[in-house]
Protein backbone atom coordinates (compact mmCIF):
# COMPACT_ATOMS: atom_id res chain seq x y z
CA MET A 1 68.44 -71.74 -57.88
CA ILE A 2 66.12 -74.56 -58.85
CA ARG A 3 64.81 -74.92 -55.41
CA THR A 4 64.04 -70.97 -55.09
CA LYS A 5 62.07 -71.16 -58.53
CA SER A 6 60.10 -74.07 -57.36
CA ARG A 7 59.19 -72.49 -54.48
CA ARG A 8 58.30 -69.12 -56.06
CA ASP A 9 56.12 -71.24 -58.35
CA ALA A 10 54.48 -73.01 -55.46
CA PHE A 11 53.86 -69.80 -53.73
CA LYS A 12 52.33 -68.45 -57.09
CA ARG A 13 49.90 -71.26 -57.48
CA LEU A 14 48.88 -70.99 -53.85
CA PHE A 15 48.03 -67.37 -54.39
CA TYR A 16 46.12 -67.99 -57.56
CA HIS A 17 44.11 -70.94 -55.99
CA GLY A 18 43.50 -68.77 -52.91
CA VAL A 19 41.97 -65.91 -54.92
CA LEU A 20 39.83 -68.25 -57.13
CA ILE A 21 38.45 -69.87 -53.75
CA ALA A 22 37.84 -66.38 -52.33
CA LEU A 23 35.91 -65.57 -55.47
CA SER A 24 33.83 -68.75 -55.45
CA ILE A 25 32.48 -68.19 -51.85
CA PRO A 26 29.85 -65.84 -52.89
CA PHE A 27 28.59 -68.34 -55.48
CA ILE A 28 28.65 -71.40 -52.98
CA LEU A 29 27.03 -69.60 -50.10
CA PRO A 30 23.46 -69.88 -51.38
CA LEU A 31 23.94 -73.58 -52.06
CA ILE A 32 25.29 -74.03 -48.74
CA TRP A 33 22.37 -72.14 -47.09
CA MET A 34 19.91 -74.21 -49.25
CA LEU A 35 21.47 -77.51 -48.15
CA SER A 36 21.55 -76.43 -44.50
CA THR A 37 17.80 -75.39 -44.41
CA SER A 38 16.86 -78.63 -46.05
CA LEU A 39 18.37 -80.59 -42.90
CA LYS A 40 16.74 -78.47 -40.29
CA SER A 41 13.53 -78.51 -38.52
CA ASP A 42 10.93 -75.78 -38.40
CA SER A 43 12.27 -74.59 -34.90
CA GLN A 44 15.81 -73.99 -36.41
CA ILE A 45 14.31 -72.14 -39.26
CA TYR A 46 12.07 -69.77 -37.45
CA LEU A 47 12.93 -67.78 -34.31
CA LYS A 48 10.46 -67.11 -31.53
CA GLY A 49 7.75 -64.99 -33.04
CA GLY A 50 7.58 -66.46 -36.35
CA GLN A 51 10.36 -64.53 -37.94
CA ALA A 52 12.57 -66.36 -40.10
CA SER A 53 16.37 -66.85 -38.88
CA SER A 54 19.23 -65.51 -40.74
CA PRO A 55 22.27 -67.78 -40.96
CA VAL A 56 24.77 -64.92 -40.41
CA SER A 57 27.27 -67.28 -38.81
CA ILE A 58 28.81 -70.58 -39.29
CA LYS A 59 27.12 -72.07 -36.26
CA ALA A 60 23.89 -70.89 -37.53
CA LEU A 61 24.38 -72.72 -40.85
CA ILE A 62 25.04 -76.16 -39.08
CA PRO A 63 21.55 -77.91 -38.61
CA HIS A 64 21.42 -79.46 -34.91
CA PRO A 65 19.82 -82.03 -34.92
CA VAL A 66 20.17 -82.98 -38.64
CA LYS A 67 16.70 -83.73 -40.09
CA PHE A 68 17.15 -86.17 -43.18
CA SER A 69 13.46 -86.83 -42.95
CA ASN A 70 12.85 -83.67 -44.98
CA TYR A 71 13.93 -85.43 -48.17
CA PRO A 72 11.48 -88.18 -48.04
CA GLU A 73 8.70 -85.67 -47.00
CA ALA A 74 9.56 -83.59 -49.89
CA MET A 75 9.32 -86.38 -52.43
CA GLN A 76 6.03 -87.69 -50.86
CA THR A 77 4.40 -84.29 -50.77
CA VAL A 78 4.38 -83.98 -54.57
CA PRO A 79 4.53 -86.62 -57.09
CA PHE A 80 8.22 -86.46 -57.58
CA GLY A 81 8.67 -89.42 -59.48
CA LEU A 82 6.27 -88.37 -61.96
CA TYR A 83 7.63 -84.98 -62.34
CA LEU A 84 11.07 -86.44 -62.79
CA ARG A 85 9.82 -88.90 -65.39
CA ASN A 86 8.31 -85.83 -67.36
CA THR A 87 11.38 -83.88 -67.14
CA LEU A 88 13.77 -86.64 -68.34
CA PHE A 89 11.37 -87.39 -71.13
CA LEU A 90 11.42 -83.76 -72.36
CA CYS A 91 15.12 -83.57 -71.79
CA THR A 92 15.79 -86.66 -74.01
CA MET A 93 13.66 -85.65 -76.72
CA THR A 94 14.66 -81.91 -76.98
CA VAL A 95 18.38 -83.13 -76.77
CA LEU A 96 17.93 -85.61 -79.64
CA GLY A 97 16.05 -83.05 -81.75
CA ALA A 98 18.30 -79.93 -81.08
CA VAL A 99 21.49 -81.77 -81.68
CA LEU A 100 20.50 -83.73 -84.70
CA SER A 101 18.78 -80.83 -86.43
CA SER A 102 21.49 -78.30 -85.62
CA ALA A 103 24.14 -80.61 -86.79
CA ILE A 104 22.59 -81.14 -90.19
CA VAL A 105 22.02 -77.53 -90.71
CA ALA A 106 25.52 -76.61 -89.56
CA TYR A 107 27.01 -79.23 -91.81
CA GLY A 108 25.14 -77.41 -94.85
CA PHE A 109 26.15 -74.02 -93.98
CA SER A 110 29.95 -75.06 -93.55
CA ARG A 111 30.33 -77.84 -96.33
CA LEU A 112 27.55 -77.27 -99.16
CA LYS A 113 28.02 -74.25 -101.42
CA PHE A 114 24.98 -72.66 -102.80
CA LYS A 115 23.76 -69.23 -103.74
CA GLY A 116 22.95 -67.00 -100.72
CA ARG A 117 24.45 -69.37 -98.17
CA ASP A 118 26.15 -66.57 -96.37
CA VAL A 119 23.13 -64.27 -96.44
CA LEU A 120 20.99 -67.00 -94.88
CA PHE A 121 23.58 -67.99 -92.18
CA TYR A 122 23.64 -64.19 -91.20
CA VAL A 123 19.97 -64.01 -91.11
CA MET A 124 19.96 -67.16 -88.86
CA ILE A 125 22.43 -65.66 -86.59
CA SER A 126 20.52 -62.60 -86.22
CA THR A 127 17.59 -64.55 -84.59
CA MET A 128 19.77 -64.93 -81.63
CA ALA A 129 19.20 -61.16 -80.85
CA LEU A 130 15.35 -61.65 -81.04
CA PRO A 131 14.01 -61.89 -77.40
CA GLY A 132 11.62 -64.70 -76.83
CA GLN A 133 8.99 -62.39 -75.35
CA VAL A 134 8.74 -61.01 -78.98
CA THR A 135 7.36 -64.24 -80.39
CA MET A 136 5.61 -65.63 -77.64
CA ILE A 137 2.22 -64.60 -78.49
CA PRO A 138 2.16 -65.65 -82.19
CA VAL A 139 3.91 -68.86 -81.31
CA PHE A 140 1.36 -69.68 -78.58
CA ALA A 141 -1.48 -68.75 -81.06
CA LEU A 142 0.06 -71.26 -83.60
CA PHE A 143 0.38 -73.93 -80.99
CA ARG A 144 -3.08 -73.53 -79.73
CA TRP A 145 -4.61 -73.50 -83.32
CA LEU A 146 -2.82 -76.70 -84.13
CA GLY A 147 -4.32 -78.22 -80.96
CA TRP A 148 -1.07 -78.85 -79.15
CA TYR A 149 -2.01 -76.85 -76.19
CA GLY A 150 -1.95 -78.88 -72.88
CA THR A 151 0.56 -81.40 -74.50
CA PHE A 152 4.33 -81.84 -74.63
CA LEU A 153 4.69 -81.14 -78.46
CA PRO A 154 5.18 -77.30 -78.08
CA LEU A 155 8.07 -78.19 -75.87
CA ILE A 156 9.49 -80.96 -78.11
CA ILE A 157 8.88 -79.85 -81.78
CA PRO A 158 10.75 -76.55 -81.71
CA ALA A 159 14.07 -78.43 -80.65
CA PHE A 160 13.54 -80.39 -84.16
CA CYS A 161 13.91 -77.04 -86.06
CA GLY A 162 17.35 -76.33 -84.93
CA ASN A 163 18.97 -73.78 -82.61
CA ALA A 164 20.87 -70.92 -83.98
CA PHE A 165 23.36 -70.94 -81.17
CA TYR A 166 24.00 -74.57 -81.61
CA ILE A 167 24.21 -74.27 -85.30
CA PHE A 168 27.02 -71.60 -85.00
CA LEU A 169 28.95 -73.66 -82.58
CA LEU A 170 28.83 -76.66 -84.72
CA LYS A 171 29.62 -74.76 -87.94
CA GLN A 172 32.65 -73.20 -86.28
CA PHE A 173 33.64 -76.97 -85.44
CA PHE A 174 33.08 -78.42 -88.64
CA ALA A 175 35.41 -75.62 -90.08
CA THR A 176 38.10 -76.89 -88.06
CA ILE A 177 37.96 -80.34 -90.00
CA PRO A 178 40.21 -80.66 -93.04
CA GLU A 179 38.27 -80.38 -96.23
CA GLU A 180 40.53 -83.17 -97.58
CA LEU A 181 38.66 -85.67 -95.40
CA SER A 182 35.26 -85.07 -97.05
CA GLU A 183 36.78 -85.00 -100.70
CA ALA A 184 38.65 -88.32 -99.85
CA ALA A 185 35.34 -89.85 -99.06
CA ARG A 186 33.50 -88.37 -102.02
CA LEU A 187 36.14 -90.05 -104.25
CA ASP A 188 35.20 -93.14 -102.63
CA GLY A 189 31.56 -92.93 -103.80
CA ALA A 190 30.21 -91.68 -100.43
CA SER A 191 27.26 -89.51 -100.66
CA GLU A 192 26.90 -86.20 -98.64
CA TRP A 193 24.69 -87.82 -96.06
CA ARG A 194 27.47 -90.58 -95.75
CA VAL A 195 30.19 -87.91 -95.51
CA PHE A 196 27.98 -86.23 -92.80
CA THR A 197 27.26 -89.25 -90.68
CA GLN A 198 30.32 -91.28 -90.85
CA VAL A 199 33.12 -88.72 -91.37
CA LEU A 200 32.11 -85.35 -89.79
CA LEU A 201 29.82 -86.49 -86.84
CA PRO A 202 32.28 -88.88 -85.30
CA LEU A 203 34.94 -86.24 -85.26
CA ALA A 204 32.33 -83.67 -83.74
CA LYS A 205 31.78 -85.45 -80.71
CA PRO A 206 32.93 -82.62 -78.34
CA ALA A 207 30.90 -80.14 -79.95
CA LEU A 208 27.89 -82.26 -80.01
CA ALA A 209 28.30 -83.20 -76.47
CA THR A 210 28.57 -79.38 -75.61
CA CYS A 211 25.26 -78.71 -77.43
CA ALA A 212 23.47 -81.54 -75.90
CA LEU A 213 24.77 -80.55 -72.30
CA PHE A 214 23.38 -76.78 -73.19
CA GLN A 215 20.12 -78.15 -74.34
CA PHE A 216 19.72 -80.62 -71.27
CA LEU A 217 20.42 -77.68 -68.76
CA GLY A 218 17.92 -75.47 -70.56
CA THR A 219 15.18 -78.08 -70.68
CA TRP A 220 15.76 -79.31 -67.08
CA ASN A 221 15.53 -75.45 -65.57
CA ASP A 222 12.92 -74.58 -67.86
CA PHE A 223 10.07 -73.22 -66.03
CA PHE A 224 8.35 -70.82 -68.47
CA GLY A 225 7.60 -73.51 -71.12
CA PRO A 226 5.70 -75.85 -69.05
CA LEU A 227 4.06 -72.76 -67.40
CA LEU A 228 2.70 -71.67 -70.81
CA TYR A 229 1.59 -74.71 -72.34
CA ILE A 230 0.99 -77.42 -69.80
CA ASN A 231 -2.39 -77.34 -67.85
CA ASP A 232 -2.32 -81.02 -66.67
CA PRO A 233 -0.72 -81.60 -63.26
CA ASN A 234 0.31 -85.14 -64.57
CA LYS A 235 2.50 -83.37 -67.14
CA TYR A 236 4.37 -81.06 -64.78
CA THR A 237 8.01 -80.82 -64.88
CA LEU A 238 10.42 -80.73 -61.77
CA ALA A 239 10.92 -77.00 -62.23
CA TYR A 240 7.13 -76.28 -62.48
CA GLY A 241 6.37 -78.82 -59.74
CA LEU A 242 8.73 -76.91 -57.38
CA GLN A 243 6.74 -73.81 -58.06
CA GLN A 244 3.28 -75.35 -57.35
CA PHE A 245 4.87 -76.98 -54.15
CA MET A 246 5.89 -73.44 -52.90
CA SER A 247 2.39 -72.10 -53.79
CA SER A 248 0.65 -74.76 -51.88
CA TYR A 249 3.11 -75.51 -49.00
CA GLY A 250 4.91 -72.18 -48.79
CA GLY A 251 5.40 -72.56 -44.78
CA LYS A 252 7.36 -75.85 -45.35
CA TRP A 253 10.91 -74.33 -46.15
CA ALA A 254 12.84 -77.19 -45.04
CA SER A 255 10.80 -79.63 -47.41
CA LEU A 256 11.02 -77.03 -50.20
CA MET A 257 14.80 -76.60 -49.88
CA ALA A 258 15.13 -80.33 -49.78
CA GLY A 259 13.20 -80.55 -53.07
CA ALA A 260 15.51 -77.81 -54.52
CA CYS A 261 18.56 -79.85 -53.37
CA ILE A 262 17.14 -82.96 -55.18
CA PHE A 263 16.49 -80.79 -58.18
CA THR A 264 20.01 -79.35 -58.31
CA VAL A 265 22.10 -82.76 -57.50
CA PRO A 266 21.65 -84.17 -61.12
CA ILE A 267 22.95 -80.86 -62.65
CA ILE A 268 25.99 -80.87 -60.43
CA ILE A 269 26.78 -84.39 -60.94
CA LEU A 270 26.46 -84.01 -64.67
CA PHE A 271 28.82 -81.07 -64.71
CA PHE A 272 31.47 -82.82 -63.01
CA PHE A 273 31.31 -85.73 -65.13
CA ALA A 274 31.01 -83.67 -68.40
CA GLN A 275 33.17 -80.65 -67.72
CA LYS A 276 36.20 -82.00 -69.69
CA THR A 277 34.03 -82.71 -72.75
CA PHE A 278 32.16 -79.30 -72.35
CA ILE A 279 35.51 -77.27 -72.06
CA GLN A 280 36.94 -78.99 -75.09
CA GLY A 281 33.77 -78.61 -77.20
CA ILE A 282 33.72 -74.76 -76.27
CA SER A 283 37.64 -74.28 -76.89
CA THR A 284 37.68 -75.89 -80.20
CA THR A 285 34.64 -74.25 -81.55
CA GLY A 286 36.40 -70.92 -81.32
CA SER A 287 39.44 -71.87 -83.37
CA LYS A 288 40.22 -72.81 -86.85
CA ASN A 289 43.01 -74.75 -88.12
């Protein structure tokens, strides 16, 4: 009886995993095609007559011979190191700004009691429904009037003004922390800032890591921001640099796909290392003790 039940559970797990693998194939195929193209030569990518080949079979996906030289060629065609440095600088600054400012605002909404708190919170939440295209022109005019056009400031400063989505996540997480901890700290003479920094923030690491991951991914993949505000090639980011590479060297698909793979690898590595913290942060912000 026990053996039959364990066998049934094993078949059930096998069925579920099979369904999940089948559903993941459409999402994995573009990545496989990109990796395959990055390791091919031009003669493998293009058929006779100049038409692009279509990888309709597994055999067509396998490069023969494998051309690893596409990767150093892609890194030498554009100043990859410079673009990477600019991107990491922006990611670091925006992550610090967004997480710190959002945590402070979320603490105020969750722990401090003042008149109009709920109204302000709902107004703040409603800004999430406002498309960025609506505020694009006035925000651009403001930054241009301040003399920030052509610098990194329009891409960094808004992160220090809080993010409505992160504030919502952190407020929900702070609500799961017992109020007795804050009260005990206040009875010991701790100020609100000390309660925030030494009591709540250490307990909110999963939620903070989730917000940091969201912000890092958003800044890493951001193309529109640098396109709108950056006009100096020495300040291009990786996303913007890849677009410039495609505009200037559109026929070098192997090098372009190699650059895209290099651009994607850090995100994949980050996800596998941070997925446990990410899932924990998302799950805990949706519940309240």
